[in-house]
Amino acid sequence: METQPSASQPSSKRLEFSRFSDEDAAAFARLLSDPEVTRSIMAKATTPEQCLECAQQRIAWHNSTWDTLGYGVWALRERLPEGVPAGPIIGWCGLIATSHGPTPEILYGFSRALWGGGLA
């Protein structure tokens, strides 16, 4: 999956935003395996296999909305110094369509280790 920045891609001093890639599935599965992280989203999985399957499904869903709706959910990574390879995803944020009308809903989540650090 293409992860090049776009003109409308957000930027932050602390975070890197990109579309999800297939390589993000394992790190995303680890995030989704934490019941506190997934407490208020529809991503219930209990085994490592279920978490990986859920991550793969969500990656496909999040990436498909960019093409169909023009908006979607970003994979988030900590911004590292120039020249240092990007690390694994630490969370996600963006917009999702709902069945409640035309206004999208904000969706976000972060590794629990980063809660309280002012990222959201």
PDB file of N, CA and C in Angstrom:
ATOM      1  N   MET A   1       0.851  -1.187   0.000  1.00  0.00           N
ATOM      2  CA  MET A   1       0.000   0.000   0.000  1.00  0.00           C
ATOM      3  C   MET A   1       0.886   1.235   0.000  1.00  0.00           C
ATOM      4  N   GLU A   2       0.492   2.226  -0.753  1.00  0.00           N
ATOM      5  CA  GLU A   2       1.221   3.476  -0.872  1.00  0.00           C
ATOM      6  C   GLU A   2       1.194   4.227   0.449  1.00  0.00           C
ATOM      7  N   THR A   3       2.347   4.709   0.913  1.00  0.00           N
ATOM      8  CA  THR A   3       2.409   5.446   2.169  1.00  0.00           C
ATOM      9  C   THR A   3       3.029   6.825   1.982  1.00  0.00           C
ATOM     10  N   GLN A   4       3.066   7.319   0.747  1.00  0.00           N
ATOM     11  CA  GLN A   4       3.619   8.642   0.483  1.00  0.00           C
ATOM     12  C   GLN A   4       2.708   9.717   1.061  1.00  0.00           C
ATOM     13  N   PRO A   5       3.279  10.800   1.595  1.00  0.00           N
ATOM     14  CA  PRO A   5       2.457  11.894   2.108  1.00  0.00           C
ATOM     15  C   PRO A   5       1.664  12.545   0.984  1.00  0.00           C
ATOM     16  N   SER A   6       0.502  13.048   1.350  1.00  0.00           N
ATOM     17  CA  SER A   6      -0.310  13.788   0.389  1.00  0.00           C
ATOM     18  C   SER A   6      -0.438  15.220   0.862  1.00  0.00           C
ATOM     19  N   ALA A   7      -0.955  16.071  -0.017  1.00  0.00           N
ATOM     20  CA  ALA A   7      -1.102  17.482   0.331  1.00  0.00           C
ATOM     21  C   ALA A   7      -2.025  17.664   1.526  1.00  0.00           C
ATOM     22  N   SER A   8      -2.986  16.757   1.710  1.00  0.00           N
ATOM     23  CA  SER A   8      -3.936  16.892   2.801  1.00  0.00           C
ATOM     24  C   SER A   8      -3.546  16.063   4.023  1.00  0.00           C
ATOM     25  N   GLN A   9      -2.377  15.464   4.001  1.00  0.00           N
ATOM     26  CA  GLN A   9      -1.935  14.627   5.119  1.00  0.00           C
ATOM     27  C   GLN A   9      -1.572  15.513   6.301  1.00  0.00           C
ATOM     28  N   PRO A  10      -2.088  15.200   7.487  1.00  0.00           N
ATOM     29  CA  PRO A  10      -1.746  15.989   8.664  1.00  0.00           C
ATOM     30  C   PRO A  10      -0.259  15.887   8.980  1.00  0.00           C
ATOM     31  N   SER A  11       0.223  16.826   9.751  1.00  0.00           N
ATOM     32  CA  SER A  11       1.593  16.755  10.236  1.00  0.00           C
ATOM     33  C   SER A  11       1.610  17.168  11.697  1.00  0.00           C
ATOM     34  N   SER A  12       2.602  16.701  12.393  1.00  0.00           N
ATOM     35  CA  SER A  12       2.721  16.956  13.815  1.00  0.00           C
ATOM     36  C   SER A  12       4.193  16.881  14.190  1.00  0.00           C
ATOM     37  N   LYS A  13       4.584  17.601  15.219  1.00  0.00           N
ATOM     38  CA  LYS A  13       5.961  17.521  15.696  1.00  0.00           C
ATOM     39  C   LYS A  13       6.251  16.172  16.345  1.00  0.00           C
ATOM     40  N   ARG A  14       5.210  15.494  16.832  1.00  0.00           N
ATOM     41  CA  ARG A  14       5.409  14.255  17.586  1.00  0.00           C
ATOM     42  C   ARG A  14       4.967  12.993  16.870  1.00  0.00           C
ATOM     43  N   LEU A  15       4.141  13.135  15.814  1.00  0.00           N
ATOM     44  CA  LEU A  15       3.569  11.963  15.157  1.00  0.00           C
ATOM     45  C   LEU A  15       3.785  11.993  13.658  1.00  0.00           C
ATOM     46  N   GLU A  16       3.929  10.803  13.083  1.00  0.00           N
ATOM     47  CA  GLU A  16       3.920  10.629  11.636  1.00  0.00           C
ATOM     48  C   GLU A  16       2.599   9.975  11.257  1.00  0.00           C
ATOM     49  N   PHE A  17       1.949  10.487  10.226  1.00  0.00           N
ATOM     50  CA  PHE A  17       0.676   9.977   9.735  1.00  0.00           C
ATOM     51  C   PHE A  17       0.919   9.285   8.400  1.00  0.00           C
ATOM     52  N   SER A  18       0.344   8.104   8.218  1.00  0.00           N
ATOM     53  CA  SER A  18       0.439   7.412   6.931  1.00  0.00           C
ATOM     54  C   SER A  18      -0.754   6.479   6.796  1.00  0.00           C
ATOM     55  N   ARG A  19      -0.995   6.045   5.573  1.00  0.00           N
ATOM     56  CA  ARG A  19      -1.961   4.971   5.397  1.00  0.00           C
ATOM     57  C   ARG A  19      -1.362   3.712   5.994  1.00  0.00           C
ATOM     58  N   PHE A  20      -2.222   2.806   6.382  1.00  0.00           N
ATOM     59  CA  PHE A  20      -1.752   1.521   6.883  1.00  0.00           C
ATOM     60  C   PHE A  20      -1.124   0.729   5.746  1.00  0.00           C
ATOM     61  N   SER A  21      -0.157  -0.112   6.082  1.00  0.00           N
ATOM     62  CA  SER A  21       0.400  -1.062   5.127  1.00  0.00           C
ATOM     63  C   SER A  21       0.160  -2.466   5.686  1.00  0.00           C
ATOM     64  N   ASP A  22       0.290  -3.459   4.838  1.00  0.00           N
ATOM     65  CA  ASP A  22       0.124  -4.839   5.299  1.00  0.00           C
ATOM     66  C   ASP A  22       1.130  -5.173   6.395  1.00  0.00           C
ATOM     67  N   GLU A  23       2.298  -4.540   6.352  1.00  0.00           N
ATOM     68  CA  GLU A  23       3.328  -4.786   7.365  1.00  0.00           C
ATOM     69  C   GLU A  23       2.934  -4.258   8.749  1.00  0.00           C
ATOM     70  N   ASP A  24       1.898  -3.428   8.823  1.00  0.00           N
ATOM     71  CA  ASP A  24       1.436  -2.885  10.105  1.00  0.00           C
ATOM     72  C   ASP A  24       0.544  -3.863  10.875  1.00  0.00           C
ATOM     73  N   ALA A  25       0.155  -4.957  10.244  1.00  0.00           N
ATOM     74  CA  ALA A  25      -0.846  -5.846  10.845  1.00  0.00           C
ATOM     75  C   ALA A  25      -0.418  -6.385  12.211  1.00  0.00           C
ATOM     76  N   ALA A  26       0.815  -6.834  12.364  1.00  0.00           N
ATOM     77  CA  ALA A  26       1.246  -7.412  13.645  1.00  0.00           C
ATOM     78  C   ALA A  26       1.237  -6.367  14.762  1.00  0.00           C
ATOM     79  N   ALA A  27       1.764  -5.175  14.481  1.00  0.00           N
ATOM     80  CA  ALA A  27       1.777  -4.114  15.499  1.00  0.00           C
ATOM     81  C   ALA A  27       0.354  -3.655  15.819  1.00  0.00           C
ATOM     82  N   PHE A  28      -0.492  -3.570  14.797  1.00  0.00           N
ATOM     83  CA  PHE A  28      -1.884  -3.182  15.006  1.00  0.00           C
ATOM     84  C   PHE A  28      -2.591  -4.248  15.839  1.00  0.00           C
ATOM     85  N   ALA A  29      -2.319  -5.516  15.563  1.00  0.00           N
ATOM     86  CA  ALA A  29      -2.913  -6.610  16.341  1.00  0.00           C
ATOM     87  C   ALA A  29      -2.532  -6.506  17.808  1.00  0.00           C
ATOM     88  N   ARG A  30      -1.280  -6.136  18.088  1.00  0.00           N
ATOM     89  CA  ARG A  30      -0.862  -5.964  19.495  1.00  0.00           C
ATOM     90  C   ARG A  30      -1.665  -4.851  20.161  1.00  0.00           C
ATOM     91  N   LEU A  31      -1.898  -3.753  19.442  1.00  0.00           N
ATOM     92  CA  LEU A  31      -2.724  -2.675  19.999  1.00  0.00           C
ATOM     93  C   LEU A  31      -4.143  -3.156  20.258  1.00  0.00           C
ATOM     94  N   LEU A  32      -4.703  -3.890  19.293  1.00  0.00           N
ATOM     95  CA  LEU A  32      -6.084  -4.359  19.407  1.00  0.00           C
ATOM     96  C   LEU A  32      -6.236  -5.476  20.430  1.00  0.00           C
ATOM     97  N   SER A  33      -5.137  -6.073  20.879  1.00  0.00           N
ATOM     98  CA  SER A  33      -5.225  -7.141  21.881  1.00  0.00           C
ATOM     99  C   SER A  33      -5.415  -6.600  23.288  1.00  0.00           C
ATOM    100  N   ASP A  34      -5.257  -5.297  23.462  1.00  0.00           N
ATOM    101  CA  ASP A  34      -5.420  -4.683  24.783  1.00  0.00           C
ATOM    102  C   ASP A  34      -6.889  -4.311  24.966  1.00  0.00           C
ATOM    103  N   PRO A  35      -7.603  -4.982  25.883  1.00  0.00           N
ATOM    104  CA  PRO A  35      -9.035  -4.695  26.056  1.00  0.00           C
ATOM    105  C   PRO A  35      -9.324  -3.255  26.471  1.00  0.00           C
ATOM    106  N   GLU A  36      -8.389  -2.596  27.112  1.00  0.00           N
ATOM    107  CA  GLU A  36      -8.602  -1.188  27.471  1.00  0.00           C
ATOM    108  C   GLU A  36      -8.526  -0.299  26.237  1.00  0.00           C
ATOM    109  N   VAL A  37      -7.657  -0.619  25.297  1.00  0.00           N
ATOM    110  CA  VAL A  37      -7.540   0.157  24.064  1.00  0.00           C
ATOM    111  C   VAL A  37      -8.797  -0.009  23.215  1.00  0.00           C
ATOM    112  N   THR A  38      -9.360  -1.209  23.198  1.00  0.00           N
ATOM    113  CA  THR A  38     -10.524  -1.486  22.344  1.00  0.00           C
ATOM    114  C   THR A  38     -11.851  -1.405  23.090  1.00  0.00           C
ATOM    115  N   ARG A  39     -11.830  -0.901  24.283  1.00  0.00           N
ATOM    116  CA  ARG A  39     -13.026  -0.869  25.128  1.00  0.00           C
ATOM    117  C   ARG A  39     -14.234  -0.238  24.454  1.00  0.00           C
ATOM    118  N   SER A  40     -14.033   0.816  23.689  1.00  0.00           N
ATOM    119  CA  SER A  40     -15.189   1.515  23.110  1.00  0.00           C
ATOM    120  C   SER A  40     -15.243   1.420  21.579  1.00  0.00           C
ATOM    121  N   ILE A  41     -14.584   0.427  21.011  1.00  0.00           N
ATOM    122  CA  ILE A  41     -14.676   0.224  19.562  1.00  0.00           C
ATOM    123  C   ILE A  41     -15.079  -1.210  19.272  1.00  0.00           C
ATOM    124  N   MET A  42     -15.532  -1.446  18.069  1.00  0.00           N
ATOM    125  CA  MET A  42     -15.956  -2.786  17.658  1.00  0.00           C
ATOM    126  C   MET A  42     -14.753  -3.564  17.133  1.00  0.00           C
ATOM    127  N   ALA A  43     -13.884  -3.999  18.014  1.00  0.00           N
ATOM    128  CA  ALA A  43     -12.692  -4.750  17.609  1.00  0.00           C
ATOM    129  C   ALA A  43     -12.405  -5.819  18.647  1.00  0.00           C
ATOM    130  N   LYS A  44     -13.415  -6.524  19.041  1.00  0.00           N
ATOM    131  CA  LYS A  44     -13.264  -7.509  20.098  1.00  0.00           C
ATOM    132  C   LYS A  44     -12.625  -8.786  19.560  1.00  0.00           C
ATOM    133  N   ALA A  45     -11.478  -9.110  20.083  1.00  0.00           N
ATOM    134  CA  ALA A  45     -10.775 -10.340  19.733  1.00  0.00           C
ATOM    135  C   ALA A  45     -10.004 -10.774  20.968  1.00  0.00           C
ATOM    136  N   THR A  46      -9.931 -12.053  21.205  1.00  0.00           N
ATOM    137  CA  THR A  46      -9.294 -12.518  22.431  1.00  0.00           C
ATOM    138  C   THR A  46      -8.021 -13.318  22.205  1.00  0.00           C
ATOM    139  N   THR A  47      -7.910 -13.996  21.092  1.00  0.00           N
ATOM    140  CA  THR A  47      -6.701 -14.786  20.841  1.00  0.00           C
ATOM    141  C   THR A  47      -5.770 -14.000  19.921  1.00  0.00           C
ATOM    142  N   PRO A  48      -4.480 -14.323  19.923  1.00  0.00           N
ATOM    143  CA  PRO A  48      -3.564 -13.644  18.996  1.00  0.00           C
ATOM    144  C   PRO A  48      -4.005 -13.784  17.533  1.00  0.00           C
ATOM    145  N   GLU A  49      -4.522 -14.944  17.172  1.00  0.00           N
ATOM    146  CA  GLU A  49      -4.976 -15.152  15.796  1.00  0.00           C
ATOM    147  C   GLU A  49      -6.155 -14.249  15.462  1.00  0.00           C
ATOM    148  N   GLN A  50      -7.119 -14.131  16.393  1.00  0.00           N
ATOM    149  CA  GLN A  50      -8.271 -13.263  16.175  1.00  0.00           C
ATOM    150  C   GLN A  50      -7.845 -11.803  16.089  1.00  0.00           C
ATOM    151  N   CYS A  51      -6.888 -11.415  16.923  1.00  0.00           N
ATOM    152  CA  CYS A  51      -6.403 -10.028  16.896  1.00  0.00           C
ATOM    153  C   CYS A  51      -5.735  -9.718  15.564  1.00  0.00           C
ATOM    154  N   LEU A  52      -4.947 -10.656  15.044  1.00  0.00           N
ATOM    155  CA  LEU A  52      -4.296 -10.445  13.752  1.00  0.00           C
ATOM    156  C   LEU A  52      -5.335 -10.363  12.638  1.00  0.00           C
ATOM    157  N   GLU A  53      -6.319 -11.236  12.667  1.00  0.00           N
ATOM    158  CA  GLU A  53      -7.378 -11.206  11.658  1.00  0.00           C
ATOM    159  C   GLU A  53      -8.151  -9.885  11.740  1.00  0.00           C
ATOM    160  N   CYS A  54      -8.456  -9.452  12.948  1.00  0.00           N
ATOM    161  CA  CYS A  54      -9.162  -8.178  13.143  1.00  0.00           C
ATOM    162  C   CYS A  54      -8.313  -7.025  12.608  1.00  0.00           C
ATOM    163  N   ALA A  55      -7.014  -7.034  12.890  1.00  0.00           N
ATOM    164  CA  ALA A  55      -6.124  -5.978  12.408  1.00  0.00           C
ATOM    165  C   ALA A  55      -6.103  -5.952  10.883  1.00  0.00           C
ATOM    166  N   GLN A  56      -5.998  -7.112  10.261  1.00  0.00           N
ATOM    167  CA  GLN A  56      -5.969  -7.183   8.800  1.00  0.00           C
ATOM    168  C   GLN A  56      -7.274  -6.666   8.203  1.00  0.00           C
ATOM    169  N   GLN A  57      -8.400  -7.017   8.809  1.00  0.00           N
ATOM    170  CA  GLN A  57      -9.696  -6.541   8.321  1.00  0.00           C
ATOM    171  C   GLN A  57      -9.820  -5.030   8.466  1.00  0.00           C
ATOM    172  N   ARG A  58      -9.380  -4.506   9.605  1.00  0.00           N
ATOM    173  CA  ARG A  58      -9.471  -3.068   9.835  1.00  0.00           C
ATOM    174  C   ARG A  58      -8.538  -2.299   8.900  1.00  0.00           C
ATOM    175  N   ILE A  59      -7.353  -2.841   8.634  1.00  0.00           N
ATOM    176  CA  ILE A  59      -6.435  -2.194   7.697  1.00  0.00           C
ATOM    177  C   ILE A  59      -7.089  -2.100   6.323  1.00  0.00           C
ATOM    178  N   ALA A  60      -7.680  -3.183   5.864  1.00  0.00           N
ATOM    179  CA  ALA A  60      -8.356  -3.184   4.559  1.00  0.00           C
ATOM    180  C   ALA A  60      -9.502  -2.169   4.553  1.00  0.00           C
ATOM    181  N   TRP A  61     -10.301  -2.150   5.614  1.00  0.00           N
ATOM    182  CA  TRP A  61     -11.430  -1.225   5.711  1.00  0.00           C
ATOM    183  C   TRP A  61     -10.944   0.225   5.734  1.00  0.00           C
ATOM    184  N   HIS A  62      -9.972   0.521   6.620  1.00  0.00           N
ATOM    185  CA  HIS A  62      -9.486   1.897   6.726  1.00  0.00           C
ATOM    186  C   HIS A  62      -8.902   2.379   5.404  1.00  0.00           C
ATOM    187  N   ASN A  63      -8.128   1.544   4.738  1.00  0.00           N
ATOM    188  CA  ASN A  63      -7.518   1.966   3.481  1.00  0.00           C
ATOM    189  C   ASN A  63      -8.543   2.103   2.357  1.00  0.00           C
ATOM    190  N   SER A  64      -9.592   1.287   2.357  1.00  0.00           N
ATOM    191  CA  SER A  64     -10.594   1.363   1.288  1.00  0.00           C
ATOM    192  C   SER A  64     -11.375   2.667   1.326  1.00  0.00           C
ATOM    193  N   THR A  65     -11.566   3.232   2.513  1.00  0.00           N
ATOM    194  CA  THR A  65     -12.380   4.452   2.597  1.00  0.00           C
ATOM    195  C   THR A  65     -11.684   5.656   1.973  1.00  0.00           C
ATOM    196  N   TRP A  66     -10.352   5.640   1.904  1.00  0.00           N
ATOM    197  CA  TRP A  66      -9.650   6.752   1.253  1.00  0.00           C
ATOM    198  C   TRP A  66     -10.080   6.861  -0.206  1.00  0.00           C
ATOM    199  N   ASP A  67     -10.208   5.725  -0.870  1.00  0.00           N
ATOM    200  CA  ASP A  67     -10.576   5.724  -2.284  1.00  0.00           C
ATOM    201  C   ASP A  67     -12.073   5.921  -2.498  1.00  0.00           C
ATOM    202  N   THR A  68     -12.895   5.364  -1.621  1.00  0.00           N
ATOM    203  CA  THR A  68     -14.339   5.439  -1.822  1.00  0.00           C
ATOM    204  C   THR A  68     -14.967   6.709  -1.251  1.00  0.00           C
ATOM    205  N   LEU A  69     -14.440   7.214  -0.149  1.00  0.00           N
ATOM    206  CA  LEU A  69     -15.045   8.374   0.512  1.00  0.00           C
ATOM    207  C   LEU A  69     -14.180   9.631   0.478  1.00  0.00           C
ATOM    208  N   GLY A  70     -12.889   9.455   0.209  1.00  0.00           N
ATOM    209  CA  GLY A  70     -11.993  10.608   0.201  1.00  0.00           C
ATOM    210  C   GLY A  70     -11.448  10.953   1.575  1.00  0.00           C
ATOM    211  N   TYR A  71     -11.776  10.171   2.572  1.00  0.00           N
ATOM    212  CA  TYR A  71     -11.221  10.328   3.917  1.00  0.00           C
ATOM    213  C   TYR A  71     -11.091   8.952   4.538  1.00  0.00           C
ATOM    214  N   GLY A  72     -10.378   8.897   5.657  1.00  0.00           N
ATOM    215  CA  GLY A  72     -10.172   7.602   6.293  1.00  0.00           C
ATOM    216  C   GLY A  72      -9.406   7.727   7.583  1.00  0.00           C
ATOM    217  N   VAL A  73      -8.731   6.656   7.942  1.00  0.00           N
ATOM    218  CA  VAL A  73      -8.011   6.561   9.213  1.00  0.00           C
ATOM    219  C   VAL A  73      -6.524   6.424   8.926  1.00  0.00           C
ATOM    220  N   TRP A  74      -5.730   7.220   9.632  1.00  0.00           N
ATOM    221  CA  TRP A  74      -4.275   7.194   9.507  1.00  0.00           C
ATOM    222  C   TRP A  74      -3.671   6.213  10.508  1.00  0.00           C
ATOM    223  N   ALA A  75      -2.595   5.569  10.118  1.00  0.00           N
ATOM    224  CA  ALA A  75      -1.736   4.844  11.052  1.00  0.00           C
ATOM    225  C   ALA A  75      -0.796   5.891  11.659  1.00  0.00           C
ATOM    226  N   LEU A  76      -0.546   5.787  12.952  1.00  0.00           N
ATOM    227  CA  LEU A  76       0.300   6.765  13.638  1.00  0.00           C
ATOM    228  C   LEU A  76       1.583   6.108  14.138  1.00  0.00           C
ATOM    229  N   ARG A  77       2.677   6.825  13.972  1.00  0.00           N
ATOM    230  CA  ARG A  77       3.982   6.395  14.480  1.00  0.00           C
ATOM    231  C   ARG A  77       4.623   7.585  15.194  1.00  0.00           C
ATOM    232  N   GLU A  78       5.503   7.279  16.130  1.00  0.00           N
ATOM    233  CA  GLU A  78       6.255   8.360  16.764  1.00  0.00           C
ATOM    234  C   GLU A  78       7.186   8.966  15.725  1.00  0.00           C
ATOM    235  N   ARG A  79       7.256  10.295  15.690  1.00  0.00           N
ATOM    236  CA  ARG A  79       8.181  10.972  14.783  1.00  0.00           C
ATOM    237  C   ARG A  79       9.585  10.804  15.355  1.00  0.00           C
ATOM    238  N   LEU A  80      10.475  10.300  14.517  1.00  0.00           N
ATOM    239  CA  LEU A  80      11.859  10.052  14.912  1.00  0.00           C
ATOM    240  C   LEU A  80      12.770  11.034  14.186  1.00  0.00           C
ATOM    241  N   PRO A  81      14.012  11.172  14.654  1.00  0.00           N
ATOM    242  CA  PRO A  81      14.939  12.087  13.971  1.00  0.00           C
ATOM    243  C   PRO A  81      15.118  11.713  12.500  1.00  0.00           C
ATOM    244  N   GLU A  82      15.413  12.698  11.684  1.00  0.00           N
ATOM    245  CA  GLU A  82      15.633  12.500  10.245  1.00  0.00           C
ATOM    246  C   GLU A  82      16.649  11.385  10.019  1.00  0.00           C
ATOM    247  N   GLY A  83      16.325  10.489   9.124  1.00  0.00           N
ATOM    248  CA  GLY A  83      17.228   9.395   8.785  1.00  0.00           C
ATOM    249  C   GLY A  83      17.036   8.134   9.606  1.00  0.00           C
ATOM    250  N   VAL A  84      16.268   8.218  10.699  1.00  0.00           N
ATOM    251  CA  VAL A  84      15.997   7.035  11.524  1.00  0.00           C
ATOM    252  C   VAL A  84      14.748   6.358  10.968  1.00  0.00           C
ATOM    253  N   PRO A  85      14.826   5.058  10.675  1.00  0.00           N
ATOM    254  CA  PRO A  85      13.651   4.367  10.110  1.00  0.00           C
ATOM    255  C   PRO A  85      12.445   4.461  11.051  1.00  0.00           C
ATOM    256  N   ALA A  86      11.274   4.578  10.454  1.00  0.00           N
ATOM    257  CA  ALA A  86      10.038   4.665  11.234  1.00  0.00           C
ATOM    258  C   ALA A  86       9.838   3.396  12.046  1.00  0.00           C
ATOM    259  N   GLY A  87       9.303   3.552  13.228  1.00  0.00           N
ATOM    260  CA  GLY A  87       9.006   2.413  14.084  1.00  0.00           C
ATOM    261  C   GLY A  87       7.616   1.873  13.809  1.00  0.00           C
ATOM    262  N   PRO A  88       7.171   0.938  14.644  1.00  0.00           N
ATOM    263  CA  PRO A  88       5.837   0.358  14.466  1.00  0.00           C
ATOM    264  C   PRO A  88       4.753   1.379  14.796  1.00  0.00           C
ATOM    265  N   ILE A  89       3.538   1.083  14.349  1.00  0.00           N
ATOM    266  CA  ILE A  89       2.449   2.002  14.662  1.00  0.00           C
ATOM    267  C   ILE A  89       2.199   2.006  16.170  1.00  0.00           C
ATOM    268  N   ILE A  90       1.806   3.159  16.658  1.00  0.00           N
ATOM    269  CA  ILE A  90       1.498   3.326  18.084  1.00  0.00           C
ATOM    270  C   ILE A  90       0.031   3.673  18.287  1.00  0.00           C
ATOM    271  N   GLY A  91      -0.678   3.847  17.171  1.00  0.00           N
ATOM    272  CA  GLY A  91      -2.087   4.190  17.271  1.00  0.00           C
ATOM    273  C   GLY A  91      -2.665   4.490  15.914  1.00  0.00           C
ATOM    274  N   TRP A  92      -3.862   5.063  15.927  1.00  0.00           N
ATOM    275  CA  TRP A  92      -4.578   5.408  14.699  1.00  0.00           C
ATOM    276  C   TRP A  92      -5.494   6.579  14.986  1.00  0.00           C
ATOM    277  N   CYS A  93      -5.841   7.330  13.945  1.00  0.00           N
ATOM    278  CA  CYS A  93      -6.830   8.400  14.074  1.00  0.00           C
ATOM    279  C   CYS A  93      -7.339   8.769  12.690  1.00  0.00           C
ATOM    280  N   GLY A  94      -8.530   9.262  12.651  1.00  0.00           N
ATOM    281  CA  GLY A  94      -9.107   9.696  11.390  1.00  0.00           C
ATOM    282  C   GLY A  94     -10.616   9.740  11.448  1.00  0.00           C
ATOM    283  N   LEU A  95     -11.220   9.688  10.282  1.00  0.00           N
ATOM    284  CA  LEU A  95     -12.666   9.788  10.159  1.00  0.00           C
ATOM    285  C   LEU A  95     -13.237   8.519   9.553  1.00  0.00           C
ATOM    286  N   ILE A  96     -14.418   8.127  10.055  1.00  0.00           N
ATOM    287  CA  ILE A  96     -15.127   6.969   9.503  1.00  0.00           C
ATOM    288  C   ILE A  96     -16.568   7.367   9.208  1.00  0.00           C
ATOM    289  N   ALA A  97     -17.130   6.726   8.203  1.00  0.00           N
ATOM    290  CA  ALA A  97     -18.548   6.927   7.887  1.00  0.00           C
ATOM    291  C   ALA A  97     -19.380   6.180   8.922  1.00  0.00           C
ATOM    292  N   THR A  98     -20.564   6.693   9.177  1.00  0.00           N
ATOM    293  CA  THR A  98     -21.477   6.029  10.101  1.00  0.00           C
ATOM    294  C   THR A  98     -22.811   5.794   9.413  1.00  0.00           C
ATOM    295  N   SER A  99     -23.617   4.989  10.030  1.00  0.00           N
ATOM    296  CA  SER A  99     -24.971   4.759   9.507  1.00  0.00           C
ATOM    297  C   SER A  99     -25.950   5.805  10.036  1.00  0.00           C
ATOM    298  N   HIS A 100     -25.440   6.777  10.802  1.00  0.00           N
ATOM    299  CA  HIS A 100     -26.301   7.774  11.428  1.00  0.00           C
ATOM    300  C   HIS A 100     -26.485   9.026  10.589  1.00  0.00           C
ATOM    301  N   GLY A 101     -25.939   9.062   9.385  1.00  0.00           N
ATOM    302  CA  GLY A 101     -26.075  10.233   8.540  1.00  0.00           C
ATOM    303  C   GLY A 101     -24.791  10.535   7.805  1.00  0.00           C
ATOM    304  N   PRO A 102     -24.764  11.689   7.141  1.00  0.00           N
ATOM    305  CA  PRO A 102     -23.627  12.004   6.279  1.00  0.00           C
ATOM    306  C   PRO A 102     -22.379  12.521   7.010  1.00  0.00           C
ATOM    307  N   THR A 103     -22.506  12.865   8.269  1.00  0.00           N
ATOM    308  CA  THR A 103     -21.374  13.420   8.998  1.00  0.00           C
ATOM    309  C   THR A 103     -20.478  12.299   9.510  1.00  0.00           C
ATOM    310  N   PRO A 104     -19.186  12.319   9.150  1.00  0.00           N
ATOM    311  CA  PRO A 104     -18.287  11.271   9.634  1.00  0.00           C
ATOM    312  C   PRO A 104     -18.032  11.400  11.131  1.00  0.00           C
ATOM    313  N   GLU A 105     -17.520  10.340  11.694  1.00  0.00           N
ATOM    314  CA  GLU A 105     -17.217  10.268  13.123  1.00  0.00           C
ATOM    315  C   GLU A 105     -15.698  10.166  13.299  1.00  0.00           C
ATOM    316  N   ILE A 106     -15.184  10.755  14.354  1.00  0.00           N
ATOM    317  CA  ILE A 106     -13.756  10.667  14.659  1.00  0.00           C
ATOM    318  C   ILE A 106     -13.474   9.327  15.319  1.00  0.00           C
ATOM    319  N   LEU A 107     -12.423   8.680  14.861  1.00  0.00           N
ATOM    320  CA  LEU A 107     -11.993   7.399  15.422  1.00  0.00           C
ATOM    321  C   LEU A 107     -10.520   7.528  15.778  1.00  0.00           C
ATOM    322  N   TYR A 108     -10.149   7.150  17.006  1.00  0.00           N
ATOM    323  CA  TYR A 108      -8.736   7.169  17.355  1.00  0.00           C
ATOM    324  C   TYR A 108      -8.467   6.169  18.461  1.00  0.00           C
ATOM    325  N   GLY A 109      -7.229   5.781  18.568  1.00  0.00           N
ATOM    326  CA  GLY A 109      -6.773   4.907  19.632  1.00  0.00           C
ATOM    327  C   GLY A 109      -5.257   4.947  19.686  1.00  0.00           C
ATOM    328  N   PHE A 110      -4.731   4.738  20.876  1.00  0.00           N
ATOM    329  CA  PHE A 110      -3.282   4.749  21.091  1.00  0.00           C
ATOM    330  C   PHE A 110      -2.893   3.604  22.007  1.00  0.00           C
ATOM    331  N   SER A 111      -1.653   3.201  21.885  1.00  0.00           N
ATOM    332  CA  SER A 111      -1.086   2.251  22.830  1.00  0.00           C
ATOM    333  C   SER A 111      -1.299   2.794  24.235  1.00  0.00           C
ATOM    334  N   ARG A 112      -1.717   1.939  25.142  1.00  0.00           N
ATOM    335  CA  ARG A 112      -1.994   2.395  26.503  1.00  0.00           C
ATOM    336  C   ARG A 112      -0.755   3.007  27.157  1.00  0.00           C
ATOM    337  N   ALA A 113       0.435   2.567  26.747  1.00  0.00           N
ATOM    338  CA  ALA A 113       1.680   3.116  27.304  1.00  0.00           C
ATOM    339  C   ALA A 113       1.818   4.615  27.017  1.00  0.00           C
ATOM    340  N   LEU A 114       1.088   5.113  26.035  1.00  0.00           N
ATOM    341  CA  LEU A 114       1.174   6.524  25.651  1.00  0.00           C
ATOM    342  C   LEU A 114       0.026   7.370  26.178  1.00  0.00           C
ATOM    343  N   TRP A 115      -0.936   6.742  26.866  1.00  0.00           N
ATOM    344  CA  TRP A 115      -2.067   7.490  27.399  1.00  0.00           C
ATOM    345  C   TRP A 115      -1.566   8.551  28.378  1.00  0.00           C
ATOM    346  N   GLY A 116      -2.224   9.692  28.372  1.00  0.00           N
ATOM    347  CA  GLY A 116      -1.886  10.772  29.292  1.00  0.00           C
ATOM    348  C   GLY A 116      -0.725  11.626  28.819  1.00  0.00           C
ATOM    349  N   GLY A 117      -0.209  11.356  27.624  1.00  0.00           N
ATOM    350  CA  GLY A 117       0.929  12.097  27.112  1.00  0.00           C
ATOM    351  C   GLY A 117       0.570  13.235  26.182  1.00  0.00           C
ATOM    352  N   GLY A 118      -0.721  13.555  26.054  1.00  0.00           N
ATOM    353  CA  GLY A 118      -1.149  14.684  25.252  1.00  0.00           C
ATOM    354  C   GLY A 118      -1.190  14.444  23.754  1.00  0.00           C
ATOM    355  N   LEU A 119      -1.201  13.206  23.322  1.00  0.00           N
ATOM    356  CA  LEU A 119      -1.237  12.934  21.883  1.00  0.00           C
ATOM    357  C   LEU A 119      -2.629  13.090  21.291  1.00  0.00           C
ATOM    358  N   ALA A 120      -3.658  12.714  22.017  1.00  0.00           N
ATOM    359  CA  ALA A 120      -5.016  12.806  21.483  1.00  0.00           C
ATOM    360  C   ALA A 120      -5.484  14.230  21.478  1.00  0.00           C
TER     361      ALA A 120
END
